N, C-alpha and C. Protein backbone atom coordinates (compact mmCIF):
# COMPACT_ATOMS: atom_id res chain seq x y z
N MET A 1 29.63 1.53 -2.60
CA MET A 1 29.26 0.15 -2.46
C MET A 1 27.79 -0.03 -2.81
N ILE A 2 27.52 -1.13 -3.43
CA ILE A 2 26.15 -1.45 -3.80
C ILE A 2 25.82 -2.83 -3.26
N GLY A 3 24.56 -3.01 -2.89
CA GLY A 3 24.08 -4.32 -2.49
C GLY A 3 24.42 -4.67 -1.07
N LYS A 4 24.68 -5.95 -0.84
CA LYS A 4 24.90 -6.44 0.53
C LYS A 4 26.11 -5.78 1.17
N GLU A 5 27.11 -5.39 0.37
CA GLU A 5 28.29 -4.75 0.94
C GLU A 5 27.91 -3.45 1.63
N ALA A 6 26.86 -2.76 1.13
CA ALA A 6 26.42 -1.49 1.70
C ALA A 6 25.34 -1.69 2.74
N GLY A 7 25.04 -2.93 3.07
CA GLY A 7 24.00 -3.20 4.05
C GLY A 7 22.60 -3.15 3.46
N ILE A 8 22.49 -3.23 2.14
CA ILE A 8 21.20 -3.20 1.47
C ILE A 8 20.86 -4.60 1.01
N THR A 9 19.64 -5.00 1.24
CA THR A 9 19.18 -6.31 0.80
C THR A 9 18.13 -6.12 -0.27
N ALA A 10 18.32 -6.71 -1.43
CA ALA A 10 17.35 -6.60 -2.51
C ALA A 10 16.21 -7.59 -2.28
N LEU A 11 15.04 -7.24 -2.80
CA LEU A 11 13.90 -8.15 -2.71
C LEU A 11 14.07 -9.26 -3.72
N ALA A 12 13.76 -10.46 -3.31
CA ALA A 12 13.80 -11.60 -4.22
C ALA A 12 12.55 -11.58 -5.09
N PRO A 13 12.68 -11.91 -6.37
CA PRO A 13 11.48 -11.97 -7.21
C PRO A 13 10.51 -12.99 -6.64
N ARG A 14 9.22 -12.71 -6.82
CA ARG A 14 8.24 -13.67 -6.33
C ARG A 14 7.46 -14.26 -7.50
N ASP A 15 6.78 -15.33 -7.22
CA ASP A 15 5.97 -15.98 -8.24
C ASP A 15 4.91 -15.01 -8.74
N ALA A 16 4.42 -15.24 -9.95
CA ALA A 16 3.40 -14.38 -10.53
C ALA A 16 2.13 -14.38 -9.70
N ALA A 17 1.76 -15.51 -9.15
CA ALA A 17 0.54 -15.60 -8.35
C ALA A 17 0.90 -15.90 -6.90
N PRO A 18 0.24 -15.23 -5.95
CA PRO A 18 0.55 -15.53 -4.56
C PRO A 18 0.09 -16.93 -4.19
N PRO A 19 0.70 -17.53 -3.19
CA PRO A 19 0.28 -18.87 -2.78
C PRO A 19 -1.11 -18.81 -2.17
N PRO A 20 -1.85 -19.91 -2.19
CA PRO A 20 -3.18 -19.90 -1.59
C PRO A 20 -3.09 -19.71 -0.09
N ALA A 21 -4.16 -19.18 0.49
CA ALA A 21 -4.20 -18.98 1.94
C ALA A 21 -4.15 -20.33 2.64
N PRO A 22 -3.47 -20.38 3.79
CA PRO A 22 -3.44 -21.64 4.54
C PRO A 22 -4.85 -22.09 4.90
N GLU A 23 -5.01 -23.38 5.02
CA GLU A 23 -6.31 -23.95 5.36
C GLU A 23 -6.89 -23.28 6.60
N GLY A 24 -8.14 -22.90 6.51
CA GLY A 24 -8.83 -22.29 7.63
C GLY A 24 -8.71 -20.78 7.73
N LEU A 25 -7.87 -20.15 6.90
CA LEU A 25 -7.71 -18.70 6.97
C LEU A 25 -8.53 -17.96 5.92
N ALA A 26 -8.96 -18.63 4.89
CA ALA A 26 -9.75 -17.98 3.85
C ALA A 26 -11.22 -18.11 4.22
N HIS A 27 -11.91 -17.00 4.40
CA HIS A 27 -13.31 -17.00 4.79
C HIS A 27 -14.12 -16.07 3.89
N PRO A 28 -14.40 -16.49 2.65
CA PRO A 28 -15.19 -15.62 1.77
C PRO A 28 -16.53 -15.29 2.42
N GLY A 29 -16.90 -14.02 2.35
CA GLY A 29 -18.18 -13.59 2.88
C GLY A 29 -18.21 -13.46 4.39
N LEU A 30 -17.10 -13.59 5.05
CA LEU A 30 -17.05 -13.53 6.51
C LEU A 30 -17.37 -12.13 7.04
N HIS A 31 -16.84 -11.11 6.39
CA HIS A 31 -17.00 -9.75 6.88
C HIS A 31 -18.25 -9.08 6.33
N ALA A 32 -18.91 -8.33 7.18
CA ALA A 32 -20.07 -7.53 6.78
C ALA A 32 -19.58 -6.17 6.31
N ALA A 33 -20.42 -5.41 5.64
CA ALA A 33 -20.06 -4.08 5.18
C ALA A 33 -19.63 -3.20 6.36
N ALA A 34 -20.24 -3.39 7.53
CA ALA A 34 -19.89 -2.59 8.70
C ALA A 34 -18.44 -2.81 9.13
N ASP A 35 -17.87 -3.96 8.82
CA ASP A 35 -16.48 -4.23 9.18
C ASP A 35 -15.50 -3.33 8.42
N PHE A 36 -15.95 -2.74 7.34
CA PHE A 36 -15.09 -1.89 6.52
C PHE A 36 -15.47 -0.41 6.63
N ALA A 37 -16.36 -0.07 7.56
CA ALA A 37 -16.85 1.29 7.71
C ALA A 37 -16.23 1.97 8.93
N LEU A 38 -16.09 3.30 8.85
CA LEU A 38 -15.64 4.10 9.98
C LEU A 38 -16.74 5.11 10.32
N SER A 39 -16.94 5.34 11.60
CA SER A 39 -17.93 6.32 12.02
C SER A 39 -17.42 7.72 11.69
N GLU A 40 -18.34 8.69 11.66
CA GLU A 40 -17.94 10.07 11.40
C GLU A 40 -17.01 10.58 12.50
N ALA A 41 -17.23 10.17 13.73
CA ALA A 41 -16.37 10.59 14.84
C ALA A 41 -14.95 10.07 14.64
N THR A 42 -14.82 8.84 14.21
CA THR A 42 -13.49 8.27 13.96
C THR A 42 -12.83 8.96 12.79
N ARG A 43 -13.58 9.22 11.73
CA ARG A 43 -13.03 9.95 10.58
C ARG A 43 -12.52 11.33 11.00
N ALA A 44 -13.31 12.03 11.82
CA ALA A 44 -12.91 13.36 12.28
C ALA A 44 -11.65 13.29 13.13
N ALA A 45 -11.58 12.30 14.02
CA ALA A 45 -10.40 12.14 14.87
C ALA A 45 -9.16 11.87 14.03
N LEU A 46 -9.29 11.05 13.01
CA LEU A 46 -8.15 10.76 12.13
C LEU A 46 -7.71 12.00 11.37
N THR A 47 -8.68 12.76 10.89
CA THR A 47 -8.37 13.98 10.15
C THR A 47 -7.66 14.99 11.04
N GLU A 48 -8.15 15.16 12.27
CA GLU A 48 -7.55 16.11 13.21
C GLU A 48 -6.16 15.67 13.67
N ALA A 49 -5.88 14.40 13.62
CA ALA A 49 -4.60 13.89 14.10
C ALA A 49 -3.44 14.16 13.14
N VAL A 50 -3.77 14.47 11.89
CA VAL A 50 -2.74 14.71 10.88
C VAL A 50 -2.86 16.16 10.39
N PRO A 51 -1.81 16.97 10.53
CA PRO A 51 -1.88 18.37 10.11
C PRO A 51 -2.23 18.50 8.62
N ALA A 52 -2.90 19.58 8.28
CA ALA A 52 -3.30 19.83 6.89
C ALA A 52 -2.09 19.84 5.95
N SER A 53 -0.97 20.39 6.42
CA SER A 53 0.23 20.42 5.56
C SER A 53 0.72 19.01 5.25
N THR A 54 0.63 18.12 6.23
CA THR A 54 1.05 16.73 6.02
C THR A 54 0.10 16.04 5.05
N ARG A 55 -1.21 16.24 5.23
CA ARG A 55 -2.19 15.64 4.30
C ARG A 55 -1.94 16.14 2.88
N GLY A 56 -1.62 17.43 2.73
CA GLY A 56 -1.32 17.98 1.41
C GLY A 56 -0.07 17.37 0.80
N ALA A 57 0.95 17.18 1.64
CA ALA A 57 2.19 16.56 1.15
C ALA A 57 1.93 15.11 0.74
N TYR A 58 1.15 14.39 1.54
CA TYR A 58 0.81 13.01 1.19
C TYR A 58 0.05 12.97 -0.14
N ALA A 59 -0.89 13.88 -0.32
CA ALA A 59 -1.68 13.91 -1.56
C ALA A 59 -0.79 14.19 -2.76
N ALA A 60 0.15 15.13 -2.61
CA ALA A 60 1.07 15.44 -3.71
C ALA A 60 1.98 14.25 -4.02
N ASP A 61 2.47 13.60 -2.98
CA ASP A 61 3.32 12.42 -3.18
C ASP A 61 2.54 11.31 -3.88
N MET A 62 1.30 11.11 -3.47
CA MET A 62 0.49 10.04 -4.08
C MET A 62 0.20 10.37 -5.55
N ALA A 63 -0.08 11.64 -5.84
CA ALA A 63 -0.33 12.04 -7.23
C ALA A 63 0.92 11.79 -8.09
N ALA A 64 2.09 12.13 -7.56
CA ALA A 64 3.33 11.90 -8.30
C ALA A 64 3.58 10.41 -8.50
N PHE A 65 3.35 9.61 -7.46
CA PHE A 65 3.55 8.17 -7.56
C PHE A 65 2.57 7.56 -8.57
N THR A 66 1.32 7.97 -8.51
CA THR A 66 0.30 7.46 -9.45
C THR A 66 0.68 7.80 -10.88
N ALA A 67 1.13 9.03 -11.11
CA ALA A 67 1.53 9.44 -12.47
C ALA A 67 2.75 8.63 -12.92
N TRP A 68 3.72 8.42 -12.02
CA TRP A 68 4.90 7.63 -12.37
C TRP A 68 4.49 6.22 -12.74
N CYS A 69 3.60 5.61 -11.93
CA CYS A 69 3.14 4.25 -12.21
C CYS A 69 2.49 4.18 -13.58
N ALA A 70 1.63 5.14 -13.89
CA ALA A 70 0.96 5.15 -15.19
C ALA A 70 1.98 5.22 -16.33
N GLY A 71 3.00 6.03 -16.16
CA GLY A 71 4.04 6.16 -17.18
C GLY A 71 4.90 4.93 -17.34
N GLN A 72 4.98 4.14 -16.29
CA GLN A 72 5.80 2.92 -16.31
C GLN A 72 4.98 1.66 -16.60
N GLY A 73 3.66 1.82 -16.76
CA GLY A 73 2.81 0.65 -16.99
C GLY A 73 2.63 -0.18 -15.73
N ARG A 74 2.68 0.46 -14.58
CA ARG A 74 2.55 -0.24 -13.30
C ARG A 74 1.24 0.15 -12.62
N THR A 75 0.79 -0.68 -11.69
CA THR A 75 -0.42 -0.42 -10.93
C THR A 75 -0.03 0.27 -9.63
N ALA A 76 -0.65 1.43 -9.36
CA ALA A 76 -0.32 2.19 -8.15
C ALA A 76 -0.90 1.55 -6.90
N LEU A 77 -2.13 1.17 -6.95
CA LEU A 77 -2.80 0.57 -5.78
C LEU A 77 -3.60 -0.63 -6.19
N PRO A 78 -3.43 -1.73 -5.55
CA PRO A 78 -2.38 -1.98 -4.58
C PRO A 78 -1.06 -2.18 -5.29
N ALA A 79 -0.04 -1.50 -4.82
CA ALA A 79 1.28 -1.60 -5.43
C ALA A 79 2.00 -2.85 -4.92
N THR A 80 2.76 -3.45 -5.79
CA THR A 80 3.60 -4.58 -5.37
C THR A 80 4.86 -4.03 -4.69
N ALA A 81 5.53 -4.87 -3.94
CA ALA A 81 6.78 -4.48 -3.30
C ALA A 81 7.80 -4.04 -4.36
N GLU A 82 7.77 -4.69 -5.51
CA GLU A 82 8.72 -4.35 -6.57
C GLU A 82 8.45 -2.95 -7.11
N THR A 83 7.17 -2.59 -7.27
CA THR A 83 6.83 -1.25 -7.75
C THR A 83 7.27 -0.20 -6.74
N VAL A 84 7.01 -0.43 -5.47
CA VAL A 84 7.41 0.52 -4.43
C VAL A 84 8.93 0.64 -4.38
N THR A 85 9.63 -0.46 -4.56
CA THR A 85 11.08 -0.45 -4.52
C THR A 85 11.68 0.34 -5.67
N GLU A 86 11.09 0.21 -6.85
CA GLU A 86 11.57 0.96 -8.01
C GLU A 86 11.46 2.45 -7.74
């Protein structure tokens, strides 16, 4: 079975451009550089929380995905839902 019969829901195509942000939610220049920074202690905690083997597997998966995207003429990051679904 394929599709809804198998319990799978396909993504609906979306418009080429996303809709504008609702009034009051778009704040250009709102965030400072510090809002996007992590301290060394936080970076270390995140690194220690994920085993080296898992980080290696993630890196290999990302390299394969990036290469696939390049071969398909797709953008890896940020990837669209359609690219991830393919």
